[in-house]
Amino acid sequence: MLNILRHLPMRYQDKTYQSLENGGIATLAIFADGDDTVHIDSAEVLASLVSNAKIVVIESSGHGVNFRRYKEVNSEILSFIDNLASDNETENIAR
């Protein structure tokens, strides 16, 4: 049973994902292509429900990618935040 649950995508998160879409919330999701707990199929579900989500897949990594590959993950997070800040500055200038 545990093995079956580990290989399912993050089920029943549609409502949560949809609220991200409806609220216009900037969304970054980082997945590992070898994660047996949060399966990579979850990235496709998220992308289909949150049109503005940035999906990053870390290759050749498993569960706990934020610890195992923290330099890559941190770089992606900082880049995402920098882009948000740049977008906000551009919007403020346009006003």
Protein backbone atom coordinates (compact mmCIF):
# COMPACT_ATOMS: atom_id res chain seq x y z
CA MET A 1 0.00 0.00 0.00
CA LEU A 2 2.75 2.47 0.91
CA ASN A 3 4.46 1.76 -2.41
CA ILE A 4 1.22 2.57 -4.27
CA LEU A 5 0.79 5.85 -2.38
CA ARG A 6 4.38 6.86 -3.04
CA HIS A 7 3.95 6.53 -6.79
CA LEU A 8 0.75 8.53 -7.07
CA PRO A 9 0.94 12.17 -8.05
CA MET A 10 -0.13 14.66 -5.41
CA ARG A 11 -3.81 13.85 -5.66
CA TYR A 12 -6.65 16.06 -4.50
CA GLN A 13 -4.57 19.22 -4.71
CA ASP A 14 -6.63 20.63 -7.59
CA LYS A 15 -8.52 23.03 -5.31
CA THR A 16 -5.29 24.35 -3.81
CA TYR A 17 -3.69 24.73 -7.23
CA GLN A 18 -6.81 26.44 -8.58
CA SER A 19 -6.75 29.00 -5.77
CA LEU A 20 -3.19 29.89 -6.78
CA GLU A 21 -4.43 30.47 -10.32
CA ASN A 22 -7.49 32.44 -9.24
CA GLY A 23 -5.51 34.61 -6.84
CA GLY A 24 -2.82 35.44 -9.36
CA ILE A 25 -0.19 34.28 -6.89
CA ALA A 26 3.33 33.97 -8.27
CA THR A 27 4.17 30.29 -8.05
CA LEU A 28 7.49 28.47 -8.21
CA ALA A 29 7.47 24.69 -7.91
CA ILE A 30 10.67 22.68 -7.86
CA PHE A 31 10.49 18.97 -8.55
CA ALA A 32 13.09 16.22 -8.78
CA ASP A 33 12.79 13.85 -11.70
CA GLY A 34 13.62 10.83 -9.52
CA ASP A 35 11.39 11.64 -6.54
CA ASP A 36 9.41 8.56 -5.51
CA THR A 37 7.39 10.47 -2.90
CA VAL A 38 6.25 13.51 -4.88
CA HIS A 39 6.12 12.03 -8.35
CA ILE A 40 7.12 14.16 -11.34
CA ASP A 41 3.58 13.80 -12.73
CA SER A 42 2.56 16.33 -10.08
CA ALA A 43 4.44 18.98 -12.05
CA GLU A 44 2.19 18.39 -15.04
CA VAL A 45 -0.93 18.63 -12.88
CA LEU A 46 0.27 21.89 -11.35
CA ALA A 47 1.23 23.34 -14.73
CA SER A 48 -2.19 22.49 -16.17
CA LEU A 49 -4.01 24.26 -13.33
CA VAL A 50 -1.73 27.23 -12.67
CA SER A 51 -0.93 28.90 -15.97
CA ASN A 52 1.65 31.33 -14.58
CA ALA A 53 3.52 28.76 -12.48
CA LYS A 54 7.21 28.38 -13.07
CA ILE A 55 8.03 24.68 -12.94
CA VAL A 56 11.64 23.65 -12.42
CA VAL A 57 12.74 20.02 -12.65
CA ILE A 58 16.08 19.11 -11.12
CA GLU A 59 17.52 16.24 -13.14
CA SER A 60 19.01 13.12 -11.58
CA SER A 61 17.76 13.80 -8.08
CA GLY A 62 15.24 12.27 -5.72
CA HIS A 63 13.13 13.24 -2.73
CA GLY A 64 14.68 15.93 -0.55
CA VAL A 65 16.08 17.81 -3.53
CA ASN A 66 16.08 21.01 -1.48
CA PHE A 67 18.72 19.42 0.78
CA ARG A 68 20.57 17.23 -1.68
CA ARG A 69 20.91 19.86 -4.39
CA TYR A 70 20.48 23.00 -2.33
CA LYS A 71 22.78 25.15 -4.47
CA GLU A 72 20.66 24.58 -7.58
CA VAL A 73 17.40 24.95 -5.66
CA ASN A 74 18.54 28.16 -3.94
CA SER A 75 19.69 29.58 -7.27
CA GLU A 76 16.25 28.91 -8.77
CA ILE A 77 14.49 30.52 -5.81
CA LEU A 78 16.68 33.62 -5.90
CA SER A 79 16.23 33.95 -9.65
CA PHE A 80 12.45 33.67 -9.24
CA ILE A 81 12.43 36.37 -6.55
CA ASP A 82 14.69 38.64 -8.62
CA ASN A 83 12.34 38.29 -11.58
CA LEU A 84 9.36 39.18 -9.39
CA ALA A 85 11.15 42.26 -8.12
CA SER A 86 12.09 43.30 -11.67
CA ASP A 87 8.52 42.81 -12.86
CA ASN A 88 7.20 44.94 -9.97
CA GLU A 89 9.69 47.72 -10.71
CA THR A 90 8.66 47.71 -14.37
CA GLU A 91 4.97 47.93 -13.42
CA ASN A 92 5.66 50.83 -11.03
CA ILE A 93 7.58 52.73 -13.72
CA ALA A 94 4.74 52.18 -16.22
CA ARG A 95 2.24 53.76 -13.81
